[in-house]
Amino acid sequence: MRLLLLALLALVAVPALAAADDCPPAHFASTSIPAHDFYASSVDTGLVGGAESLTVHYKWGVDVGEAFLRRVSALGSGGSSLDIVDDFTVGRVPNGTPVSFDAILSAYGNAPPAAPSGPAWTVTLGTDQDSVSGGNVYTNWSQDLTLPLNVIAGTPFRLHFRMQIFGGFDSLVQNEGASIRFEGFPPGAIVFSCHGFLAGSLPTEPTTWGSLKARYH
């Protein structure tokens, strides 16, 4: 069974790490490190500057849409944020069909026990029209954010999730992570994205963003 599953997954070719030029970039911002735009579909890098150092990770793939931010801060340092953006399309449903389902972001934040002036986290999942937010201060947390979606099959729609870390004291380590999934879309349908996310009934032939977009747009 495991070999059969691996063989099936091997038939699904996801885009290379260097995403298409027309895919939206991820954006990193910080109070002490220059802003960065990342155009690749997967990033795992370290950034250092001023009062903080960070590890930035995100990845798109088959049933994978995840991000992670680790921040080591100095006393009085401000904050950092990571915006992940992608364009999604519902396929294997007749073009023009209204489709309703949920985007769910599972998020968490943690740090060692901290003083009241310690860590704070926020996370947001949204479209250009609607969003849901969560987070916590001082204590570790985890939660699922659910965003109802009403889209048109074959028409791309943009989703973003934003992670932010604030505050801290000398050498405080703060972690924040999130992963996205979709639930409730029609049986047999797929949800795919510009950066290579793919969920639903897996195609049985080699697949790329371009071929999927051409087929279902």
N, C-alpha and C. Protein backbone atom coordinates (compact mmCIF):
# COMPACT_ATOMS: atom_id res chain seq x y z
N MET A 1 0.83 -1.20 0.00
CA MET A 1 0.00 0.00 0.00
C MET A 1 0.87 1.26 0.00
N ARG A 2 1.93 1.23 0.82
CA ARG A 2 2.82 2.39 0.88
C ARG A 2 3.48 2.64 -0.46
N LEU A 3 3.93 1.53 -1.13
CA LEU A 3 4.56 1.69 -2.43
C LEU A 3 3.58 2.23 -3.45
N LEU A 4 2.30 1.77 -3.36
CA LEU A 4 1.29 2.27 -4.28
C LEU A 4 1.06 3.76 -4.09
N LEU A 5 1.01 4.22 -2.82
CA LEU A 5 0.82 5.63 -2.53
C LEU A 5 2.00 6.45 -3.06
N LEU A 6 3.22 5.97 -2.83
CA LEU A 6 4.40 6.69 -3.32
C LEU A 6 4.40 6.77 -4.84
N ALA A 7 3.97 5.70 -5.49
CA ALA A 7 3.92 5.71 -6.94
C ALA A 7 2.91 6.73 -7.44
N LEU A 8 1.76 6.82 -6.75
CA LEU A 8 0.75 7.80 -7.13
C LEU A 8 1.26 9.22 -6.96
N LEU A 9 1.91 9.48 -5.82
CA LEU A 9 2.43 10.82 -5.58
C LEU A 9 3.51 11.18 -6.60
N ALA A 10 4.27 10.18 -7.04
CA ALA A 10 5.34 10.46 -8.00
C ALA A 10 4.78 10.95 -9.32
N LEU A 11 3.52 10.62 -9.61
CA LEU A 11 2.90 11.08 -10.86
C LEU A 11 2.49 12.53 -10.81
N VAL A 12 2.48 13.12 -9.60
CA VAL A 12 2.05 14.51 -9.44
C VAL A 12 3.28 15.40 -9.35
N ALA A 13 3.66 16.03 -10.44
CA ALA A 13 4.85 16.87 -10.46
C ALA A 13 4.49 18.26 -9.99
N VAL A 14 4.98 18.69 -8.84
CA VAL A 14 4.71 20.04 -8.36
C VAL A 14 5.73 20.99 -8.96
N PRO A 15 5.43 22.29 -9.01
CA PRO A 15 6.35 23.25 -9.61
C PRO A 15 7.69 23.27 -8.89
N ALA A 16 8.73 23.70 -9.60
CA ALA A 16 10.05 23.81 -9.00
C ALA A 16 10.05 24.88 -7.92
N LEU A 17 11.12 24.90 -7.10
CA LEU A 17 11.18 25.83 -5.99
C LEU A 17 11.14 27.27 -6.46
N ALA A 18 11.70 27.55 -7.61
CA ALA A 18 11.60 28.90 -8.16
C ALA A 18 10.24 29.05 -8.81
N ALA A 19 9.36 29.81 -8.16
CA ALA A 19 7.98 29.90 -8.62
C ALA A 19 7.90 30.74 -9.88
N ALA A 20 6.75 30.62 -10.56
CA ALA A 20 6.52 31.44 -11.76
C ALA A 20 6.56 32.91 -11.41
N ASP A 21 7.02 33.71 -12.38
CA ASP A 21 7.16 35.15 -12.12
C ASP A 21 5.85 35.82 -11.75
N ASP A 22 4.73 35.25 -12.20
CA ASP A 22 3.46 35.90 -11.92
C ASP A 22 2.83 35.43 -10.61
N CYS A 23 3.50 34.59 -9.84
CA CYS A 23 3.00 34.19 -8.53
C CYS A 23 3.28 35.30 -7.52
N PRO A 24 2.35 35.56 -6.60
CA PRO A 24 2.58 36.63 -5.63
C PRO A 24 3.69 36.25 -4.65
N PRO A 25 4.53 37.22 -4.24
CA PRO A 25 5.62 36.92 -3.32
C PRO A 25 5.15 36.90 -1.88
N ALA A 26 5.94 36.21 -1.04
CA ALA A 26 5.79 36.34 0.41
C ALA A 26 6.58 37.56 0.85
N HIS A 27 6.11 38.22 1.91
CA HIS A 27 6.75 39.46 2.35
C HIS A 27 7.12 39.35 3.82
N PHE A 28 8.39 39.65 4.12
CA PHE A 28 8.89 39.69 5.49
C PHE A 28 9.18 41.13 5.87
N ALA A 29 8.77 41.53 7.09
CA ALA A 29 9.04 42.89 7.58
C ALA A 29 9.47 42.81 9.04
N SER A 30 10.30 43.75 9.45
CA SER A 30 10.83 43.76 10.82
C SER A 30 11.22 45.17 11.21
N THR A 31 11.29 45.41 12.52
CA THR A 31 11.72 46.72 12.99
C THR A 31 13.22 46.91 12.89
N SER A 32 13.99 45.83 12.76
CA SER A 32 15.44 45.98 12.77
C SER A 32 16.15 45.24 11.64
N ILE A 33 15.41 44.56 10.77
CA ILE A 33 15.99 43.84 9.63
C ILE A 33 15.31 44.35 8.37
N PRO A 34 16.07 44.63 7.30
CA PRO A 34 15.44 45.11 6.07
C PRO A 34 14.36 44.17 5.56
N ALA A 35 13.32 44.73 4.99
CA ALA A 35 12.21 43.93 4.45
C ALA A 35 12.71 43.06 3.29
N HIS A 36 12.08 41.90 3.14
CA HIS A 36 12.41 40.97 2.06
C HIS A 36 11.14 40.52 1.37
N ASP A 37 11.19 40.38 0.04
CA ASP A 37 10.16 39.69 -0.72
C ASP A 37 10.75 38.37 -1.21
N PHE A 38 10.02 37.27 -0.99
CA PHE A 38 10.47 35.95 -1.40
C PHE A 38 9.54 35.45 -2.50
N TYR A 39 10.12 35.10 -3.67
CA TYR A 39 9.32 34.65 -4.79
C TYR A 39 9.33 33.13 -4.95
N ALA A 40 10.18 32.43 -4.24
CA ALA A 40 10.24 30.97 -4.35
C ALA A 40 9.03 30.33 -3.69
N SER A 41 8.75 29.08 -4.07
CA SER A 41 7.64 28.35 -3.48
C SER A 41 8.00 27.72 -2.14
N SER A 42 9.28 27.65 -1.83
CA SER A 42 9.75 27.17 -0.54
C SER A 42 10.95 28.00 -0.11
N VAL A 43 10.99 28.39 1.15
CA VAL A 43 12.09 29.18 1.69
C VAL A 43 12.45 28.65 3.07
N ASP A 44 13.73 28.56 3.35
CA ASP A 44 14.23 28.20 4.67
C ASP A 44 15.53 28.96 4.87
N THR A 45 15.49 30.07 5.59
CA THR A 45 16.65 30.95 5.66
C THR A 45 16.73 31.64 7.01
N GLY A 46 17.88 32.18 7.32
CA GLY A 46 18.08 32.95 8.53
C GLY A 46 18.34 34.41 8.20
N LEU A 47 17.83 35.31 9.04
CA LEU A 47 18.01 36.75 8.86
C LEU A 47 18.47 37.34 10.19
N VAL A 48 19.48 38.21 10.12
CA VAL A 48 20.03 38.80 11.33
C VAL A 48 20.18 40.29 11.12
N GLY A 49 19.84 41.08 12.15
CA GLY A 49 20.04 42.51 12.07
C GLY A 49 19.59 43.21 13.33
N GLY A 50 20.35 44.23 13.73
CA GLY A 50 19.96 45.03 14.88
C GLY A 50 19.73 44.21 16.12
N ALA A 51 18.50 44.25 16.64
CA ALA A 51 18.19 43.65 17.92
C ALA A 51 17.60 42.26 17.82
N GLU A 52 17.60 41.65 16.66
CA GLU A 52 16.96 40.35 16.56
C GLU A 52 17.58 39.49 15.46
N SER A 53 17.37 38.19 15.59
CA SER A 53 17.71 37.24 14.53
C SER A 53 16.52 36.33 14.33
N LEU A 54 16.30 35.92 13.08
CA LEU A 54 15.11 35.15 12.76
C LEU A 54 15.42 33.98 11.84
N THR A 55 14.60 32.94 11.98
CA THR A 55 14.54 31.85 11.01
C THR A 55 13.20 31.95 10.30
N VAL A 56 13.23 31.99 8.98
CA VAL A 56 12.02 32.11 8.18
C VAL A 56 11.87 30.85 7.33
N HIS A 57 10.73 30.20 7.46
CA HIS A 57 10.47 28.97 6.69
C HIS A 57 9.05 28.99 6.17
N TYR A 58 8.86 28.63 4.91
CA TYR A 58 7.53 28.31 4.41
C TYR A 58 7.68 27.36 3.23
N LYS A 59 6.58 26.64 2.93
CA LYS A 59 6.63 25.63 1.88
C LYS A 59 5.24 25.39 1.32
N TRP A 60 5.16 25.31 -0.02
CA TRP A 60 3.93 24.90 -0.71
C TRP A 60 4.20 23.58 -1.41
N GLY A 61 3.19 22.71 -1.48
CA GLY A 61 3.35 21.44 -2.18
C GLY A 61 2.04 20.66 -2.16
N VAL A 62 2.12 19.36 -2.48
CA VAL A 62 0.95 18.50 -2.45
C VAL A 62 0.48 18.34 -1.02
N ASP A 63 -0.70 18.87 -0.71
CA ASP A 63 -1.27 18.84 0.65
C ASP A 63 -0.36 19.52 1.67
N VAL A 64 0.50 20.43 1.23
CA VAL A 64 1.39 21.15 2.13
C VAL A 64 1.29 22.65 1.87
N GLY A 65 0.91 23.39 2.89
CA GLY A 65 0.96 24.84 2.89
C GLY A 65 1.28 25.28 4.30
N GLU A 66 2.54 25.56 4.57
CA GLU A 66 2.97 25.77 5.95
C GLU A 66 3.96 26.93 6.04
N ALA A 67 4.05 27.50 7.25
CA ALA A 67 5.00 28.58 7.50
C ALA A 67 5.44 28.52 8.96
N PHE A 68 6.66 29.00 9.21
CA PHE A 68 7.22 28.99 10.55
C PHE A 68 8.13 30.19 10.70
N LEU A 69 8.05 30.85 11.85
CA LEU A 69 8.87 32.02 12.14
C LEU A 69 9.44 31.86 13.55
N ARG A 70 10.77 31.89 13.66
CA ARG A 70 11.43 31.85 14.98
C ARG A 70 12.22 33.14 15.16
N ARG A 71 11.99 33.80 16.28
CA ARG A 71 12.61 35.09 16.53
C ARG A 71 13.37 35.06 17.86
N VAL A 72 14.62 35.46 17.83
CA VAL A 72 15.41 35.67 19.04
C VAL A 72 15.61 37.16 19.20
N SER A 73 15.03 37.73 20.25
CA SER A 73 14.98 39.18 20.38
C SER A 73 15.89 39.69 21.49
N ALA A 74 16.17 40.96 21.42
CA ALA A 74 16.91 41.65 22.46
C ALA A 74 15.95 42.56 23.23
N LEU A 75 16.39 43.04 24.37
CA LEU A 75 15.56 43.88 25.22
C LEU A 75 15.02 45.09 24.44
N GLY A 76 13.70 45.26 24.49
CA GLY A 76 13.08 46.42 23.89
C GLY A 76 12.90 46.36 22.39
N SER A 77 13.25 45.22 21.76
CA SER A 77 13.09 45.14 20.32
C SER A 77 11.61 45.09 19.95
N GLY A 78 11.29 45.49 18.73
CA GLY A 78 9.90 45.63 18.32
C GLY A 78 9.24 44.35 17.90
N GLY A 79 9.19 44.07 16.59
CA GLY A 79 8.50 42.89 16.13
C GLY A 79 8.84 42.54 14.70
N SER A 80 8.29 41.40 14.26
CA SER A 80 8.53 40.91 12.91
C SER A 80 7.24 40.29 12.38
N SER A 81 7.11 40.26 11.06
CA SER A 81 5.92 39.67 10.45
C SER A 81 6.30 38.95 9.16
N LEU A 82 5.49 37.94 8.81
CA LEU A 82 5.66 37.19 7.57
C LEU A 82 4.29 37.04 6.92
N ASP A 83 4.17 37.55 5.70
CA ASP A 83 2.92 37.46 4.93
C ASP A 83 3.10 36.44 3.81
N ILE A 84 2.30 35.37 3.86
CA ILE A 84 2.32 34.35 2.82
C ILE A 84 1.10 34.56 1.93
N VAL A 85 1.32 34.68 0.62
CA VAL A 85 0.23 35.00 -0.32
C VAL A 85 0.28 34.01 -1.47
N ASP A 86 -0.90 33.55 -1.92
CA ASP A 86 -0.94 32.65 -3.08
C ASP A 86 -2.31 32.78 -3.75
N ASP A 87 -2.34 32.44 -5.03
CA ASP A 87 -3.57 32.44 -5.81
C ASP A 87 -4.04 31.00 -6.00
N PHE A 88 -5.28 30.71 -5.60
CA PHE A 88 -5.84 29.36 -5.61
C PHE A 88 -6.96 29.26 -6.64
N THR A 89 -7.19 28.04 -7.13
CA THR A 89 -8.26 27.78 -8.08
C THR A 89 -8.91 26.45 -7.75
N VAL A 90 -10.22 26.38 -7.86
CA VAL A 90 -10.94 25.11 -7.74
C VAL A 90 -11.08 24.51 -9.13
N GLY A 91 -10.64 23.25 -9.28
CA GLY A 91 -10.73 22.56 -10.55
C GLY A 91 -11.52 21.27 -10.44
N ARG A 92 -11.70 20.61 -11.59
CA ARG A 92 -12.50 19.39 -11.71
C ARG A 92 -13.97 19.63 -11.34
N VAL A 93 -14.38 20.88 -11.45
CA VAL A 93 -15.78 21.29 -11.33
C VAL A 93 -16.05 22.17 -12.55
N PRO A 94 -17.21 22.08 -13.18
CA PRO A 94 -17.47 22.92 -14.37
C PRO A 94 -17.18 24.39 -14.10
N ASN A 95 -16.43 25.00 -14.99
CA ASN A 95 -16.10 26.42 -14.85
C ASN A 95 -17.37 27.26 -14.68
N GLY A 96 -17.29 28.24 -13.80
CA GLY A 96 -18.42 29.12 -13.55
C GLY A 96 -19.35 28.63 -12.44
N THR A 97 -19.09 27.42 -11.91
CA THR A 97 -19.92 26.88 -10.84
C THR A 97 -19.59 27.55 -9.51
N PRO A 98 -20.57 28.09 -8.78
CA PRO A 98 -20.29 28.61 -7.44
C PRO A 98 -19.92 27.45 -6.50
N VAL A 99 -18.87 27.63 -5.73
CA VAL A 99 -18.38 26.60 -4.81
C VAL A 99 -18.17 27.23 -3.44
N SER A 100 -18.69 26.58 -2.41
CA SER A 100 -18.50 27.05 -1.03
C SER A 100 -17.78 25.98 -0.22
N PHE A 101 -16.74 26.39 0.50
CA PHE A 101 -16.00 25.48 1.37
C PHE A 101 -15.22 26.33 2.37
N ASP A 102 -14.44 25.68 3.22
CA ASP A 102 -13.72 26.39 4.28
C ASP A 102 -12.21 26.30 4.09
N ALA A 103 -11.53 27.41 4.31
CA ALA A 103 -10.07 27.42 4.47
C ALA A 103 -9.80 27.44 5.97
N ILE A 104 -8.94 26.54 6.44
CA ILE A 104 -8.66 26.41 7.87
C ILE A 104 -7.16 26.58 8.10
N LEU A 105 -6.81 27.50 8.96
CA LEU A 105 -5.41 27.74 9.31
C LEU A 105 -5.19 27.28 10.74
N SER A 106 -4.35 26.25 10.91
CA SER A 106 -3.97 25.78 12.24
C SER A 106 -2.70 26.50 12.65
N ALA A 107 -2.78 27.30 13.72
CA ALA A 107 -1.67 28.17 14.11
C ALA A 107 -1.30 27.95 15.57
N TYR A 108 -0.06 28.30 15.91
CA TYR A 108 0.40 28.19 17.29
C TYR A 108 1.51 29.20 17.55
N GLY A 109 1.76 29.48 18.81
CA GLY A 109 2.89 30.31 19.22
C GLY A 109 3.39 29.82 20.56
N ASN A 110 4.70 29.83 20.76
CA ASN A 110 5.24 29.41 22.06
C ASN A 110 6.57 30.10 22.34
N ALA A 111 6.89 30.13 23.61
CA ALA A 111 8.14 30.74 24.10
C ALA A 111 8.36 30.22 25.52
N PRO A 112 9.61 30.31 26.03
CA PRO A 112 9.84 29.96 27.42
C PRO A 112 9.00 30.85 28.33
N PRO A 113 8.79 30.44 29.59
CA PRO A 113 8.05 31.30 30.52
C PRO A 113 8.61 32.71 30.50
N ALA A 114 7.71 33.70 30.40
CA ALA A 114 8.16 35.08 30.20
C ALA A 114 7.52 36.01 31.21
N ALA A 115 8.17 37.13 31.43
CA ALA A 115 7.62 38.18 32.28
C ALA A 115 6.43 38.83 31.58
N PRO A 116 5.61 39.62 32.29
CA PRO A 116 4.46 40.26 31.66
C PRO A 116 4.81 41.12 30.45
N SER A 117 6.06 41.53 30.32
CA SER A 117 6.46 42.32 29.16
C SER A 117 6.97 41.43 28.03
N GLY A 118 6.66 40.15 28.13
CA GLY A 118 7.21 39.17 27.19
C GLY A 118 6.49 39.08 25.87
N PRO A 119 6.30 37.86 25.34
CA PRO A 119 5.93 37.69 23.93
C PRO A 119 4.46 37.96 23.65
N ALA A 120 4.20 38.29 22.39
CA ALA A 120 2.83 38.41 21.88
C ALA A 120 2.84 37.94 20.44
N TRP A 121 1.76 37.27 20.04
CA TRP A 121 1.65 36.74 18.69
C TRP A 121 0.28 37.10 18.10
N THR A 122 0.22 37.31 16.81
CA THR A 122 -1.05 37.40 16.11
C THR A 122 -0.94 36.62 14.80
N VAL A 123 -2.08 36.14 14.31
CA VAL A 123 -2.12 35.43 13.04
C VAL A 123 -3.43 35.79 12.35
N THR A 124 -3.39 35.99 11.03
CA THR A 124 -4.57 36.37 10.26
C THR A 124 -4.65 35.53 9.00
N LEU A 125 -5.84 35.06 8.67
CA LEU A 125 -6.12 34.36 7.42
C LEU A 125 -7.19 35.14 6.69
N GLY A 126 -6.97 35.45 5.40
CA GLY A 126 -7.97 36.27 4.73
C GLY A 126 -7.91 36.24 3.22
N THR A 127 -8.96 36.79 2.63
CA THR A 127 -9.00 37.11 1.21
C THR A 127 -8.90 38.63 1.10
N ASP A 128 -9.12 39.16 -0.09
CA ASP A 128 -9.11 40.61 -0.24
C ASP A 128 -10.36 41.25 0.38
N GLN A 129 -11.37 40.41 0.68
CA GLN A 129 -12.63 40.95 1.22
C GLN A 129 -12.85 40.62 2.69
N ASP A 130 -12.47 39.43 3.14
CA ASP A 130 -12.77 38.96 4.49
C ASP A 130 -11.53 38.38 5.14
N SER A 131 -11.53 38.36 6.48
CA SER A 131 -10.41 37.78 7.21
C SER A 131 -10.86 37.34 8.59
N VAL A 132 -10.09 36.44 9.19
CA VAL A 132 -10.27 36.03 10.58
C VAL A 132 -8.91 36.11 11.25
N SER A 133 -8.89 36.44 12.54
CA SER A 133 -7.63 36.66 13.25
C SER A 133 -7.65 35.95 14.59
N GLY A 134 -6.45 35.70 15.11
CA GLY A 134 -6.30 35.09 16.43
C GLY A 134 -4.94 35.43 16.99
N GLY A 135 -4.58 34.75 18.09
CA GLY A 135 -3.29 34.99 18.72
C GLY A 135 -3.42 35.02 20.22
N ASN A 136 -2.33 35.45 20.88
CA ASN A 136 -2.32 35.48 22.33
C ASN A 136 -1.14 36.32 22.79
N VAL A 137 -1.12 36.61 24.09
CA VAL A 137 0.01 37.31 24.70
C VAL A 137 0.46 36.52 25.93
N TYR A 138 1.77 36.51 26.15
CA TYR A 138 2.40 35.98 27.36
C TYR A 138 2.39 34.46 27.49
N THR A 139 1.37 33.78 27.01
CA THR A 139 1.29 32.33 27.21
C THR A 139 1.27 31.61 25.87
N ASN A 140 1.73 30.36 25.88
CA ASN A 140 1.71 29.55 24.67
C ASN A 140 0.27 29.31 24.23
N TRP A 141 0.06 29.11 22.94
CA TRP A 141 -1.30 28.97 22.43
C TRP A 141 -1.32 28.18 21.13
N SER A 142 -2.50 27.69 20.80
CA SER A 142 -2.74 27.08 19.50
C SER A 142 -4.23 27.21 19.20
N GLN A 143 -4.58 27.39 17.94
CA GLN A 143 -5.98 27.49 17.56
C GLN A 143 -6.14 27.31 16.06
N ASP A 144 -7.37 26.96 15.66
CA ASP A 144 -7.73 26.86 14.25
C ASP A 144 -8.57 28.08 13.88
N LEU A 145 -8.19 28.74 12.79
CA LEU A 145 -8.98 29.83 12.24
C LEU A 145 -9.71 29.30 11.01
N THR A 146 -11.03 29.50 10.96
CA THR A 146 -11.84 29.01 9.84
C THR A 146 -12.39 30.19 9.06
N LEU A 147 -12.11 30.20 7.75
CA LEU A 147 -12.58 31.26 6.87
C LEU A 147 -13.50 30.65 5.80
N PRO A 148 -14.81 30.91 5.87
CA PRO A 148 -15.71 30.42 4.82
C PRO A 148 -15.39 31.09 3.48
N LEU A 149 -15.38 30.30 2.43
CA LEU A 149 -15.07 30.80 1.09
C LEU A 149 -16.25 30.53 0.16
N ASN A 150 -16.56 31.52 -0.66
CA ASN A 150 -17.55 31.38 -1.72
C ASN A 150 -16.88 31.85 -3.01
N VAL A 151 -16.50 30.90 -3.86
CA VAL A 151 -15.70 31.22 -5.03
C VAL A 151 -16.37 30.63 -6.27
N ILE A 152 -15.78 30.93 -7.43
CA ILE A 152 -16.26 30.43 -8.70
C ILE A 152 -15.22 29.46 -9.26
N ALA A 153 -15.64 28.24 -9.57
CA ALA A 153 -14.72 27.24 -10.12
C ALA A 153 -14.07 27.78 -11.39
N GLY A 154 -12.75 27.56 -11.49
CA GLY A 154 -12.00 28.01 -12.65
C GLY A 154 -11.50 29.44 -12.57
N THR A 155 -11.94 30.20 -11.55
CA THR A 155 -11.50 31.59 -11.38
C THR A 155 -10.57 31.68 -10.18
N PRO A 156 -9.31 32.09 -10.37
CA PRO A 156 -8.38 32.18 -9.23
C PRO A 156 -8.87 33.15 -8.15
N PHE A 157 -8.62 32.80 -6.91
CA PHE A 157 -8.91 33.68 -5.78
C PHE A 157 -7.66 33.73 -4.89
N ARG A 158 -7.42 34.90 -4.31
CA ARG A 158 -6.19 35.11 -3.53
C ARG A 158 -6.45 34.91 -2.03
N LEU A 159 -5.55 34.15 -1.40
CA LEU A 159 -5.56 33.96 0.04
C LEU A 159 -4.22 34.40 0.60
N HIS A 160 -4.26 34.92 1.82
CA HIS A 160 -3.01 35.27 2.51
C HIS A 160 -3.14 34.89 3.97
N PHE A 161 -2.02 34.49 4.56
CA PHE A 161 -1.99 34.41 6.01
C PHE A 161 -0.75 35.12 6.52
N ARG A 162 -0.97 35.86 7.60
CA ARG A 162 0.04 36.76 8.15
C ARG A 162 0.34 36.36 9.59
N MET A 163 1.62 36.17 9.88
CA MET A 163 2.07 35.87 11.23
C MET A 163 2.89 37.04 11.75
N GLN A 164 2.65 37.44 13.00
CA GLN A 164 3.38 38.54 13.62
C GLN A 164 3.83 38.15 15.03
N ILE A 165 5.04 38.57 15.37
CA ILE A 165 5.60 38.37 16.71
C ILE A 165 6.03 39.73 17.23
N PHE A 166 5.66 40.03 18.48
CA PHE A 166 5.96 41.33 19.08
C PHE A 166 6.67 41.16 20.42
N GLY A 167 7.37 42.23 20.81
CA GLY A 167 7.88 42.35 22.18
C GLY A 167 8.99 41.37 22.49
N GLY A 168 9.26 41.27 23.79
CA GLY A 168 10.29 40.34 24.23
C GLY A 168 11.35 41.00 25.07
N PHE A 169 12.21 40.17 25.62
CA PHE A 169 13.34 40.66 26.40
C PHE A 169 14.59 39.95 25.93
N ASP A 170 15.73 40.26 26.51
CA ASP A 170 17.01 39.79 26.01
C ASP A 170 17.05 38.26 25.87
N SER A 171 17.36 37.81 24.65
CA SER A 171 17.54 36.39 24.31
C SER A 171 16.25 35.58 24.38
N LEU A 172 15.10 36.21 24.42
CA LEU A 172 13.85 35.48 24.38
C LEU A 172 13.69 34.82 23.00
N VAL A 173 13.35 33.52 23.01
CA VAL A 173 13.10 32.78 21.78
C VAL A 173 11.58 32.63 21.61
N GLN A 174 11.05 33.13 20.49
CA GLN A 174 9.62 33.04 20.20
C GLN A 174 9.43 32.26 18.91
N ASN A 175 8.49 31.33 18.93
CA ASN A 175 8.16 30.52 17.76
C ASN A 175 6.71 30.76 17.38
N GLU A 176 6.47 30.80 16.08
CA GLU A 176 5.10 30.88 15.59
C GLU A 176 5.02 30.08 14.29
N GLY A 177 3.97 29.29 14.17
CA GLY A 177 3.82 28.47 12.98
C GLY A 177 2.37 28.36 12.56
N ALA A 178 2.15 27.95 11.31
CA ALA A 178 0.79 27.81 10.80
C ALA A 178 0.80 26.88 9.59
N SER A 179 -0.31 26.17 9.40
CA SER A 179 -0.49 25.35 8.20
C SER A 179 -1.93 25.49 7.73
N ILE A 180 -2.12 25.45 6.43
CA ILE A 180 -3.44 25.68 5.85
C ILE A 180 -3.98 24.40 5.23
N ARG A 181 -5.30 24.24 5.31
CA ARG A 181 -5.98 23.12 4.64
C ARG A 181 -7.37 23.59 4.23
N PHE A 182 -8.01 22.80 3.38
CA PHE A 182 -9.36 23.12 2.91
C PHE A 182 -10.28 21.95 3.22
N GLU A 183 -11.49 22.27 3.64
CA GLU A 183 -12.48 21.24 3.95
C GLU A 183 -13.83 21.63 3.36
N GLY A 184 -14.56 20.60 2.89
CA GLY A 184 -15.92 20.81 2.43
C GLY A 184 -16.06 21.13 0.96
N PHE A 185 -14.98 21.03 0.16
CA PHE A 185 -15.16 21.28 -1.26
C PHE A 185 -15.76 20.04 -1.94
N PRO A 186 -16.35 20.17 -3.12
CA PRO A 186 -17.13 19.09 -3.72
C PRO A 186 -16.31 17.81 -3.93
N PRO A 187 -16.95 16.66 -3.78
CA PRO A 187 -16.26 15.39 -4.05
C PRO A 187 -15.69 15.37 -5.47
N GLY A 188 -14.46 14.91 -5.58
CA GLY A 188 -13.81 14.85 -6.88
C GLY A 188 -13.10 16.12 -7.29
N ALA A 189 -13.37 17.23 -6.57
CA ALA A 189 -12.74 18.51 -6.92
C ALA A 189 -11.31 18.56 -6.40
N ILE A 190 -10.54 19.48 -6.95
CA ILE A 190 -9.20 19.77 -6.45
C ILE A 190 -9.09 21.27 -6.19
N VAL A 191 -8.20 21.63 -5.30
CA VAL A 191 -7.82 23.02 -5.07
C VAL A 191 -6.33 23.11 -5.32
N PHE A 192 -5.90 23.95 -6.25
CA PHE A 192 -4.49 24.08 -6.57
C PHE A 192 -4.11 25.55 -6.58
N SER A 193 -2.80 25.81 -6.49
CA SER A 193 -2.36 27.20 -6.37
C SER A 193 -1.17 27.48 -7.30
N CYS A 194 -0.91 28.75 -7.47
CA CYS A 194 0.20 29.20 -8.31
C CYS A 194 1.54 28.68 -7.81
N HIS A 195 1.71 28.63 -6.48
CA HIS A 195 2.98 28.19 -5.90
C HIS A 195 3.10 26.68 -5.74
N GLY A 196 2.09 25.92 -6.15
CA GLY A 196 2.24 24.47 -6.16
C GLY A 196 1.44 23.71 -5.12
N PHE A 197 0.58 24.40 -4.34
CA PHE A 197 -0.29 23.68 -3.41
C PHE A 197 -1.31 22.87 -4.21
N LEU A 198 -1.61 21.66 -3.73
CA LEU A 198 -2.58 20.81 -4.40
C LEU A 198 -3.27 19.95 -3.37
N ALA A 199 -4.60 20.01 -3.33
CA ALA A 199 -5.39 19.20 -2.41
C ALA A 199 -6.60 18.66 -3.13
N GLY A 200 -7.07 17.50 -2.68
CA GLY A 200 -8.24 16.88 -3.29
C GLY A 200 -7.85 15.60 -3.99
N SER A 201 -8.65 15.17 -4.95
CA SER A 201 -8.38 13.96 -5.70
C SER A 201 -7.16 14.18 -6.59
N LEU A 202 -6.09 13.44 -6.33
CA LEU A 202 -4.84 13.69 -7.05
C LEU A 202 -4.96 13.32 -8.52
N PRO A 203 -4.45 14.19 -9.41
CA PRO A 203 -4.43 13.85 -10.83
C PRO A 203 -3.60 12.59 -11.07
N THR A 204 -3.93 11.85 -12.13
CA THR A 204 -3.20 10.61 -12.43
C THR A 204 -2.25 10.81 -13.60
N GLU A 205 -1.82 12.05 -13.82
CA GLU A 205 -0.86 12.34 -14.87
C GLU A 205 -0.01 13.50 -14.41
N PRO A 206 1.20 13.69 -14.99
CA PRO A 206 2.06 14.80 -14.56
C PRO A 206 1.32 16.12 -14.62
N THR A 207 1.48 16.94 -13.56
CA THR A 207 0.68 18.14 -13.40
C THR A 207 1.55 19.33 -13.03
N THR A 208 1.32 20.47 -13.64
CA THR A 208 1.98 21.71 -13.28
C THR A 208 0.92 22.78 -13.11
N TRP A 209 1.31 23.92 -12.51
CA TRP A 209 0.39 25.06 -12.37
C TRP A 209 -0.14 25.48 -13.72
N GLY A 210 0.75 25.59 -14.72
CA GLY A 210 0.32 26.04 -16.04
C GLY A 210 -0.71 25.12 -16.67
N SER A 211 -0.46 23.80 -16.58
CA SER A 211 -1.39 22.87 -17.21
C SER A 211 -2.72 22.84 -16.46
N LEU A 212 -2.68 22.90 -15.13
CA LEU A 212 -3.91 22.92 -14.35
C LEU A 212 -4.72 24.17 -14.65
N LYS A 213 -4.02 25.33 -14.69
CA LYS A 213 -4.71 26.60 -14.94
C LYS A 213 -5.34 26.60 -16.33
N ALA A 214 -4.60 26.06 -17.32
CA ALA A 214 -5.13 26.04 -18.67
C ALA A 214 -6.33 25.10 -18.77
N ARG A 215 -6.30 24.00 -18.02
CA ARG A 215 -7.37 23.02 -18.10
C ARG A 215 -8.64 23.46 -17.41
N TYR A 216 -8.48 24.15 -16.24
CA TYR A 216 -9.64 24.45 -15.42
C TYR A 216 -10.02 25.93 -15.43
N HIS A 217 -9.28 26.77 -16.13
CA HIS A 217 -9.61 28.21 -16.16
C HIS A 217 -10.55 28.53 -17.30
